[in-house]
Amino acid sequence: MHHHGYLWTGPKERFDNEALRRPSHPEQPPAGSRPELIHRYREVAAEFPIVDLPPLETAYWLVKPRWLVRGTWDEAKEAAAWLGERLAEHAQRFAYEHDRDTGRLSRLTDSAAERLATGVDVSYGYYLERPAYLHLALVTCSPNHLMPVLPCPLG
């Protein structure tokens, strides 16, 4: 088992495009469906695997391009340390004062290490200034406990 780290920051408007943050339905729209429905299905089916937006379900990061992996660790504590460093890096830009509390961020990092050690994915999100959004995720791989059929992005 190992863990992959992901980080995404961008405009909140883009993050809110939930259609591109979920995989397409396993079945195509039936023949005779409205053209806009078929077009939207095809768009989502083509874009979801390659778009850099955070997926709604954390495990789906594993189907994204390998260049989106920010780090890979065999040890949960090392992966959580990376997460803690990213939280500290961005804390001054957090939109809400209570999210900047260093004690709280330390507890989140410790909690992430504990959860990762049991094979559970970790995902945090924060509103930043302007409005923007920060998404951080650590995904357990080989296999992922919630979605064991998803392949490792590193092959």
N, C-alpha and C. Protein backbone atom coordinates (compact mmCIF):
# COMPACT_ATOMS: atom_id res chain seq x y z
N MET A 1 0.85 -1.18 0.00
CA MET A 1 0.00 0.00 0.00
C MET A 1 0.89 1.24 0.00
N HIS A 2 0.49 2.23 -0.77
CA HIS A 2 1.17 3.52 -0.76
C HIS A 2 0.12 4.61 -0.92
N HIS A 3 0.57 5.87 -0.88
CA HIS A 3 -0.34 7.00 -0.89
C HIS A 3 0.13 8.03 -1.91
N HIS A 4 -0.81 8.55 -2.69
CA HIS A 4 -0.52 9.61 -3.66
C HIS A 4 -1.12 10.92 -3.15
N GLY A 5 -0.37 12.00 -3.33
CA GLY A 5 -0.84 13.32 -2.92
C GLY A 5 -1.29 14.13 -4.12
N TYR A 6 -2.37 14.89 -3.92
CA TYR A 6 -2.92 15.76 -4.97
C TYR A 6 -3.21 17.13 -4.37
N LEU A 7 -3.02 18.15 -5.18
CA LEU A 7 -3.29 19.52 -4.76
C LEU A 7 -3.90 20.25 -5.94
N TRP A 8 -4.96 20.98 -5.68
CA TRP A 8 -5.58 21.80 -6.73
C TRP A 8 -5.97 23.13 -6.10
N THR A 9 -5.62 24.22 -6.76
CA THR A 9 -6.13 25.53 -6.40
C THR A 9 -6.64 26.18 -7.67
N GLY A 10 -7.69 26.95 -7.52
CA GLY A 10 -8.24 27.62 -8.67
C GLY A 10 -9.48 28.41 -8.30
N PRO A 11 -10.06 29.05 -9.30
CA PRO A 11 -11.26 29.84 -9.05
C PRO A 11 -12.40 28.97 -8.54
N LYS A 12 -13.11 29.49 -7.57
CA LYS A 12 -14.24 28.76 -7.01
C LYS A 12 -15.27 28.44 -8.09
N GLU A 13 -15.46 29.33 -9.05
CA GLU A 13 -16.41 29.08 -10.15
C GLU A 13 -16.06 27.79 -10.90
N ARG A 14 -14.78 27.57 -11.13
CA ARG A 14 -14.35 26.36 -11.85
C ARG A 14 -14.55 25.13 -10.97
N PHE A 15 -14.21 25.25 -9.71
CA PHE A 15 -14.39 24.15 -8.77
C PHE A 15 -15.86 23.74 -8.68
N ASP A 16 -16.74 24.70 -8.81
CA ASP A 16 -18.19 24.44 -8.70
C ASP A 16 -18.77 23.72 -9.91
N ASN A 17 -17.99 23.47 -10.95
CA ASN A 17 -18.48 22.75 -12.13
C ASN A 17 -18.51 21.26 -11.80
N GLU A 18 -19.54 20.86 -11.06
CA GLU A 18 -19.61 19.48 -10.57
C GLU A 18 -19.77 18.44 -11.66
N ALA A 19 -20.30 18.80 -12.81
CA ALA A 19 -20.47 17.82 -13.88
C ALA A 19 -19.12 17.24 -14.32
N LEU A 20 -18.08 18.06 -14.30
CA LEU A 20 -16.75 17.58 -14.70
C LEU A 20 -15.98 16.99 -13.53
N ARG A 21 -16.60 16.94 -12.35
CA ARG A 21 -15.94 16.38 -11.17
C ARG A 21 -16.47 14.99 -10.83
N ARG A 22 -17.32 14.44 -11.67
CA ARG A 22 -17.85 13.10 -11.43
C ARG A 22 -17.75 12.31 -12.73
N PRO A 23 -17.52 11.01 -12.64
CA PRO A 23 -17.45 10.21 -13.87
C PRO A 23 -18.83 10.17 -14.55
N SER A 24 -18.81 9.92 -15.83
CA SER A 24 -20.08 9.82 -16.56
C SER A 24 -20.82 8.57 -16.10
N HIS A 25 -22.09 8.57 -16.32
CA HIS A 25 -22.92 7.41 -15.99
C HIS A 25 -22.41 6.22 -16.81
N PRO A 26 -22.45 5.01 -16.27
CA PRO A 26 -21.92 3.86 -17.02
C PRO A 26 -22.68 3.56 -18.32
N GLU A 27 -23.92 4.02 -18.40
CA GLU A 27 -24.70 3.78 -19.62
C GLU A 27 -24.93 5.08 -20.36
N GLN A 28 -24.76 5.04 -21.67
CA GLN A 28 -25.02 6.22 -22.49
C GLN A 28 -26.51 6.52 -22.51
N PRO A 29 -26.86 7.78 -22.80
CA PRO A 29 -28.29 8.09 -22.95
C PRO A 29 -28.89 7.22 -24.06
N PRO A 30 -30.13 6.82 -23.90
CA PRO A 30 -30.75 5.97 -24.92
C PRO A 30 -30.90 6.69 -26.26
N ALA A 31 -30.94 5.89 -27.32
CA ALA A 31 -31.14 6.45 -28.67
C ALA A 31 -32.41 7.29 -28.66
N GLY A 32 -32.37 8.41 -29.34
CA GLY A 32 -33.53 9.29 -29.39
C GLY A 32 -33.55 10.32 -28.28
N SER A 33 -32.53 10.32 -27.40
CA SER A 33 -32.47 11.33 -26.34
C SER A 33 -32.22 12.70 -26.95
N ARG A 34 -32.51 13.72 -26.19
CA ARG A 34 -32.28 15.09 -26.66
C ARG A 34 -30.81 15.26 -27.03
N PRO A 35 -30.52 15.96 -28.12
CA PRO A 35 -29.13 16.14 -28.55
C PRO A 35 -28.25 16.79 -27.48
N GLU A 36 -28.78 17.72 -26.71
CA GLU A 36 -27.97 18.38 -25.67
C GLU A 36 -27.59 17.40 -24.55
N LEU A 37 -28.48 16.43 -24.29
CA LEU A 37 -28.17 15.41 -23.29
C LEU A 37 -27.04 14.50 -23.78
N ILE A 38 -27.11 14.10 -25.02
CA ILE A 38 -26.07 13.25 -25.61
C ILE A 38 -24.74 14.00 -25.66
N HIS A 39 -24.81 15.28 -26.07
CA HIS A 39 -23.59 16.10 -26.12
C HIS A 39 -22.97 16.23 -24.74
N ARG A 40 -23.77 16.50 -23.72
CA ARG A 40 -23.26 16.66 -22.36
C ARG A 40 -22.66 15.35 -21.84
N TYR A 41 -23.30 14.23 -22.14
CA TYR A 41 -22.77 12.93 -21.73
C TYR A 41 -21.39 12.71 -22.34
N ARG A 42 -21.28 12.96 -23.64
CA ARG A 42 -20.00 12.77 -24.33
C ARG A 42 -18.92 13.69 -23.80
N GLU A 43 -19.30 14.93 -23.51
CA GLU A 43 -18.34 15.89 -22.96
C GLU A 43 -17.80 15.41 -21.62
N VAL A 44 -18.69 15.00 -20.73
CA VAL A 44 -18.26 14.54 -19.41
C VAL A 44 -17.44 13.26 -19.53
N ALA A 45 -17.86 12.33 -20.37
CA ALA A 45 -17.13 11.08 -20.54
C ALA A 45 -15.71 11.33 -21.05
N ALA A 46 -15.54 12.31 -21.91
CA ALA A 46 -14.21 12.62 -22.46
C ALA A 46 -13.37 13.45 -21.50
N GLU A 47 -13.99 14.38 -20.79
CA GLU A 47 -13.24 15.32 -19.96
C GLU A 47 -12.90 14.82 -18.56
N PHE A 48 -13.79 14.07 -17.92
CA PHE A 48 -13.56 13.67 -16.54
C PHE A 48 -12.19 13.03 -16.31
N PRO A 49 -11.78 12.07 -17.14
CA PRO A 49 -10.49 11.43 -16.86
C PRO A 49 -9.27 12.33 -17.05
N ILE A 50 -9.42 13.45 -17.75
CA ILE A 50 -8.24 14.27 -18.03
C ILE A 50 -8.27 15.65 -17.38
N VAL A 51 -9.44 16.11 -16.96
CA VAL A 51 -9.52 17.44 -16.35
C VAL A 51 -8.84 17.42 -14.98
N ASP A 52 -8.20 18.52 -14.63
CA ASP A 52 -7.46 18.57 -13.36
C ASP A 52 -8.34 18.88 -12.15
N LEU A 53 -9.62 19.07 -12.35
CA LEU A 53 -10.52 19.36 -11.23
C LEU A 53 -10.59 18.20 -10.25
N PRO A 54 -10.68 18.49 -8.95
CA PRO A 54 -10.80 17.42 -7.97
C PRO A 54 -12.10 16.64 -8.16
N PRO A 55 -12.03 15.34 -8.17
CA PRO A 55 -13.26 14.55 -8.30
C PRO A 55 -14.08 14.64 -7.01
N LEU A 56 -15.38 14.47 -7.15
CA LEU A 56 -16.25 14.50 -5.97
C LEU A 56 -15.94 13.34 -5.02
N GLU A 57 -15.57 12.20 -5.57
CA GLU A 57 -15.17 11.06 -4.75
C GLU A 57 -13.65 10.95 -4.84
N THR A 58 -13.01 11.08 -3.70
CA THR A 58 -11.55 11.20 -3.62
C THR A 58 -10.81 10.10 -4.37
N ALA A 59 -11.26 8.87 -4.31
CA ALA A 59 -10.56 7.76 -4.95
C ALA A 59 -10.41 7.96 -6.46
N TYR A 60 -11.32 8.71 -7.07
CA TYR A 60 -11.24 8.92 -8.53
C TYR A 60 -10.04 9.75 -8.97
N TRP A 61 -9.29 10.31 -8.02
CA TRP A 61 -8.03 10.92 -8.43
C TRP A 61 -7.14 9.90 -9.15
N LEU A 62 -7.30 8.62 -8.79
CA LEU A 62 -6.45 7.57 -9.36
C LEU A 62 -6.63 7.40 -10.87
N VAL A 63 -7.73 7.85 -11.44
CA VAL A 63 -7.93 7.72 -12.89
C VAL A 63 -7.46 8.96 -13.64
N LYS A 64 -7.01 9.96 -12.91
CA LYS A 64 -6.53 11.20 -13.53
C LYS A 64 -5.10 11.01 -14.04
N PRO A 65 -4.63 11.92 -14.91
CA PRO A 65 -3.27 11.78 -15.44
C PRO A 65 -2.20 11.76 -14.35
N ARG A 66 -1.18 10.99 -14.59
CA ARG A 66 -0.13 10.82 -13.57
C ARG A 66 0.60 12.12 -13.25
N TRP A 67 0.59 13.10 -14.16
CA TRP A 67 1.28 14.36 -13.87
C TRP A 67 0.58 15.14 -12.75
N LEU A 68 -0.63 14.77 -12.39
CA LEU A 68 -1.33 15.44 -11.30
C LEU A 68 -0.90 14.92 -9.92
N VAL A 69 -0.18 13.81 -9.89
CA VAL A 69 0.33 13.27 -8.62
C VAL A 69 1.45 14.18 -8.14
N ARG A 70 1.30 14.74 -6.94
CA ARG A 70 2.30 15.67 -6.39
C ARG A 70 3.35 14.97 -5.54
N GLY A 71 3.09 13.72 -5.20
CA GLY A 71 4.04 12.96 -4.42
C GLY A 71 3.47 11.59 -4.12
N THR A 72 4.36 10.64 -3.84
CA THR A 72 3.96 9.28 -3.50
C THR A 72 4.80 8.83 -2.32
N TRP A 73 4.13 8.24 -1.33
CA TRP A 73 4.80 7.83 -0.11
C TRP A 73 4.34 6.43 0.29
N ASP A 74 5.27 5.65 0.80
CA ASP A 74 4.94 4.33 1.34
C ASP A 74 4.42 4.43 2.77
N GLU A 75 4.85 5.44 3.48
CA GLU A 75 4.48 5.61 4.89
C GLU A 75 3.42 6.68 5.05
N ALA A 76 2.40 6.36 5.83
CA ALA A 76 1.30 7.30 6.08
C ALA A 76 1.79 8.58 6.73
N LYS A 77 2.73 8.48 7.65
CA LYS A 77 3.23 9.68 8.34
C LYS A 77 3.93 10.62 7.38
N GLU A 78 4.64 10.08 6.40
CA GLU A 78 5.32 10.93 5.41
C GLU A 78 4.31 11.64 4.53
N ALA A 79 3.28 10.93 4.12
CA ALA A 79 2.22 11.53 3.31
C ALA A 79 1.51 12.62 4.10
N ALA A 80 1.21 12.36 5.36
CA ALA A 80 0.55 13.35 6.20
C ALA A 80 1.45 14.56 6.44
N ALA A 81 2.75 14.35 6.53
CA ALA A 81 3.68 15.47 6.69
C ALA A 81 3.61 16.39 5.47
N TRP A 82 3.55 15.81 4.28
CA TRP A 82 3.39 16.61 3.06
C TRP A 82 2.10 17.43 3.14
N LEU A 83 1.02 16.79 3.56
CA LEU A 83 -0.25 17.48 3.71
C LEU A 83 -0.11 18.65 4.69
N GLY A 84 0.51 18.40 5.83
CA GLY A 84 0.70 19.45 6.83
C GLY A 84 1.51 20.62 6.29
N GLU A 85 2.53 20.32 5.50
CA GLU A 85 3.34 21.38 4.89
C GLU A 85 2.50 22.22 3.91
N ARG A 86 1.65 21.57 3.13
CA ARG A 86 0.80 22.30 2.18
C ARG A 86 -0.22 23.16 2.93
N LEU A 87 -0.78 22.62 4.01
CA LEU A 87 -1.73 23.41 4.81
C LEU A 87 -1.04 24.65 5.36
N ALA A 88 0.16 24.49 5.91
CA ALA A 88 0.91 25.62 6.45
C ALA A 88 1.24 26.65 5.36
N GLU A 89 1.60 26.16 4.18
CA GLU A 89 1.92 27.03 3.05
C GLU A 89 0.76 27.95 2.67
N HIS A 90 -0.45 27.41 2.70
CA HIS A 90 -1.62 28.14 2.24
C HIS A 90 -2.42 28.80 3.36
N ALA A 91 -2.10 28.53 4.60
CA ALA A 91 -2.93 28.97 5.73
C ALA A 91 -3.19 30.47 5.74
N GLN A 92 -2.22 31.26 5.38
CA GLN A 92 -2.41 32.72 5.41
C GLN A 92 -3.45 33.20 4.40
N ARG A 93 -3.73 32.38 3.40
CA ARG A 93 -4.73 32.75 2.38
C ARG A 93 -6.12 32.20 2.69
N PHE A 94 -6.27 31.37 3.73
CA PHE A 94 -7.58 30.82 4.07
C PHE A 94 -8.56 31.95 4.32
N ALA A 95 -9.74 31.81 3.79
CA ALA A 95 -10.76 32.86 3.89
C ALA A 95 -11.27 33.04 5.32
N TYR A 96 -11.23 31.98 6.12
CA TYR A 96 -11.79 32.04 7.47
C TYR A 96 -10.68 31.93 8.51
N GLU A 97 -10.72 32.82 9.47
CA GLU A 97 -9.70 32.89 10.51
C GLU A 97 -9.54 31.57 11.27
N HIS A 98 -10.64 30.91 11.62
CA HIS A 98 -10.53 29.68 12.42
C HIS A 98 -9.79 28.57 11.66
N ASP A 99 -9.80 28.61 10.33
CA ASP A 99 -9.07 27.61 9.55
C ASP A 99 -7.56 27.80 9.62
N ARG A 100 -7.12 29.00 10.03
CA ARG A 100 -5.68 29.30 10.09
C ARG A 100 -5.02 28.84 11.38
N ASP A 101 -5.80 28.43 12.34
CA ASP A 101 -5.28 28.04 13.65
C ASP A 101 -4.26 26.91 13.50
N THR A 102 -3.03 27.15 13.93
CA THR A 102 -1.96 26.16 13.74
C THR A 102 -2.21 24.88 14.55
N GLY A 103 -2.83 25.00 15.71
CA GLY A 103 -3.16 23.81 16.49
C GLY A 103 -4.16 22.93 15.76
N ARG A 104 -5.14 23.57 15.16
CA ARG A 104 -6.15 22.84 14.39
C ARG A 104 -5.50 22.14 13.19
N LEU A 105 -4.62 22.86 12.50
CA LEU A 105 -3.95 22.28 11.33
C LEU A 105 -3.07 21.10 11.74
N SER A 106 -2.44 21.20 12.88
CA SER A 106 -1.62 20.09 13.39
C SER A 106 -2.49 18.87 13.70
N ARG A 107 -3.66 19.11 14.30
CA ARG A 107 -4.56 17.99 14.60
C ARG A 107 -5.07 17.34 13.31
N LEU A 108 -5.34 18.14 12.28
CA LEU A 108 -5.78 17.59 10.99
C LEU A 108 -4.69 16.71 10.37
N THR A 109 -3.46 17.15 10.49
CA THR A 109 -2.33 16.38 9.96
C THR A 109 -2.18 15.06 10.71
N ASP A 110 -2.27 15.11 12.03
CA ASP A 110 -2.19 13.88 12.83
C ASP A 110 -3.33 12.92 12.49
N SER A 111 -4.52 13.47 12.35
CA SER A 111 -5.69 12.66 12.00
C SER A 111 -5.50 12.01 10.62
N ALA A 112 -4.94 12.78 9.69
CA ALA A 112 -4.70 12.24 8.35
C ALA A 112 -3.75 11.05 8.41
N ALA A 113 -2.70 11.15 9.21
CA ALA A 113 -1.74 10.04 9.33
C ALA A 113 -2.43 8.79 9.87
N GLU A 114 -3.29 8.97 10.87
CA GLU A 114 -4.00 7.83 11.45
C GLU A 114 -4.95 7.19 10.42
N ARG A 115 -5.67 8.02 9.70
CA ARG A 115 -6.63 7.50 8.72
C ARG A 115 -5.91 6.79 7.57
N LEU A 116 -4.83 7.40 7.08
CA LEU A 116 -4.08 6.79 5.98
C LEU A 116 -3.50 5.43 6.38
N ALA A 117 -3.06 5.32 7.63
CA ALA A 117 -2.48 4.06 8.11
C ALA A 117 -3.49 2.92 8.06
N THR A 118 -4.78 3.25 8.09
CA THR A 118 -5.81 2.23 8.01
C THR A 118 -6.35 2.06 6.59
N GLY A 119 -5.76 2.80 5.64
CA GLY A 119 -6.17 2.66 4.24
C GLY A 119 -7.27 3.60 3.80
N VAL A 120 -7.61 4.57 4.63
CA VAL A 120 -8.69 5.51 4.31
C VAL A 120 -8.10 6.73 3.61
N ASP A 121 -8.76 7.20 2.56
CA ASP A 121 -8.34 8.41 1.85
C ASP A 121 -8.62 9.64 2.71
N VAL A 122 -7.86 10.70 2.43
CA VAL A 122 -8.02 11.96 3.15
C VAL A 122 -8.20 13.07 2.12
N SER A 123 -9.17 13.94 2.38
CA SER A 123 -9.44 15.04 1.47
C SER A 123 -9.86 16.27 2.27
N TYR A 124 -9.18 17.39 2.03
CA TYR A 124 -9.51 18.65 2.72
C TYR A 124 -9.72 19.73 1.67
N GLY A 125 -10.60 20.66 1.98
CA GLY A 125 -10.83 21.78 1.09
C GLY A 125 -11.02 23.06 1.87
N TYR A 126 -10.50 24.16 1.31
CA TYR A 126 -10.56 25.45 1.97
C TYR A 126 -10.87 26.55 0.96
N TYR A 127 -11.72 27.46 1.37
CA TYR A 127 -11.93 28.66 0.58
C TYR A 127 -10.77 29.59 0.84
N LEU A 128 -10.25 30.14 -0.25
CA LEU A 128 -9.16 31.09 -0.17
C LEU A 128 -9.70 32.47 -0.56
N GLU A 129 -8.83 33.45 -0.49
CA GLU A 129 -9.20 34.81 -0.91
C GLU A 129 -9.56 34.83 -2.40
N ARG A 130 -10.27 35.81 -2.84
CA ARG A 130 -10.57 36.22 -4.23
C ARG A 130 -11.85 35.76 -4.88
N PRO A 131 -12.71 35.00 -4.76
CA PRO A 131 -12.73 33.73 -4.06
C PRO A 131 -12.07 32.63 -4.89
N ALA A 132 -11.29 31.88 -4.21
CA ALA A 132 -10.62 30.73 -4.82
C ALA A 132 -10.82 29.54 -3.88
N TYR A 133 -10.34 28.39 -4.32
CA TYR A 133 -10.51 27.18 -3.53
C TYR A 133 -9.23 26.36 -3.55
N LEU A 134 -8.91 25.75 -2.42
CA LEU A 134 -7.77 24.84 -2.28
C LEU A 134 -8.31 23.46 -1.95
N HIS A 135 -7.87 22.47 -2.72
CA HIS A 135 -8.24 21.08 -2.46
C HIS A 135 -6.95 20.29 -2.29
N LEU A 136 -6.87 19.53 -1.20
CA LEU A 136 -5.74 18.65 -0.93
C LEU A 136 -6.28 17.25 -0.71
N ALA A 137 -5.62 16.27 -1.29
CA ALA A 137 -6.07 14.88 -1.10
C ALA A 137 -4.88 13.95 -1.01
N LEU A 138 -5.03 12.93 -0.19
CA LEU A 138 -4.11 11.81 -0.12
C LEU A 138 -4.94 10.57 -0.38
N VAL A 139 -4.55 9.82 -1.40
CA VAL A 139 -5.33 8.68 -1.84
C VAL A 139 -4.51 7.41 -1.65
N THR A 140 -5.10 6.45 -0.96
CA THR A 140 -4.46 5.16 -0.74
C THR A 140 -4.55 4.35 -2.03
N CYS A 141 -3.46 3.69 -2.36
CA CYS A 141 -3.39 2.99 -3.64
C CYS A 141 -2.81 1.59 -3.46
N SER A 142 -3.17 0.74 -4.38
CA SER A 142 -2.67 -0.64 -4.49
C SER A 142 -3.12 -1.55 -3.36
N PRO A 143 -4.35 -1.77 -3.20
CA PRO A 143 -5.48 -1.13 -3.87
C PRO A 143 -6.10 -0.04 -3.00
N ASN A 144 -6.97 0.73 -3.60
CA ASN A 144 -7.77 1.69 -2.85
C ASN A 144 -8.89 0.90 -2.17
N HIS A 145 -9.10 1.14 -0.91
CA HIS A 145 -10.07 0.34 -0.16
C HIS A 145 -11.50 0.53 -0.62
N LEU A 146 -11.87 1.75 -1.02
CA LEU A 146 -13.26 1.97 -1.46
C LEU A 146 -13.47 1.56 -2.91
N MET A 147 -12.45 1.71 -3.74
CA MET A 147 -12.58 1.39 -5.16
C MET A 147 -11.35 0.58 -5.61
N PRO A 148 -11.26 -0.68 -5.22
CA PRO A 148 -10.07 -1.48 -5.50
C PRO A 148 -9.83 -1.73 -6.97
N VAL A 149 -10.80 -1.50 -7.84
CA VAL A 149 -10.60 -1.74 -9.27
C VAL A 149 -9.86 -0.60 -9.95
N LEU A 150 -9.74 0.54 -9.28
CA LEU A 150 -9.05 1.67 -9.90
C LEU A 150 -7.55 1.40 -9.95
N PRO A 151 -6.93 1.65 -11.09
CA PRO A 151 -5.50 1.35 -11.24
C PRO A 151 -4.63 2.41 -10.58
N CYS A 152 -3.40 2.04 -10.28
CA CYS A 152 -2.43 2.99 -9.78
C CYS A 152 -2.03 3.91 -10.93
N PRO A 153 -2.02 5.21 -10.73
CA PRO A 153 -1.66 6.13 -11.81
C PRO A 153 -0.20 6.01 -12.25
N LEU A 154 0.63 5.41 -11.42
CA LEU A 154 2.04 5.28 -11.77
C LEU A 154 2.36 3.96 -12.47
N GLY A 155 1.30 3.14 -12.66
CA GLY A 155 1.48 1.91 -13.43
C GLY A 155 1.91 0.72 -12.65
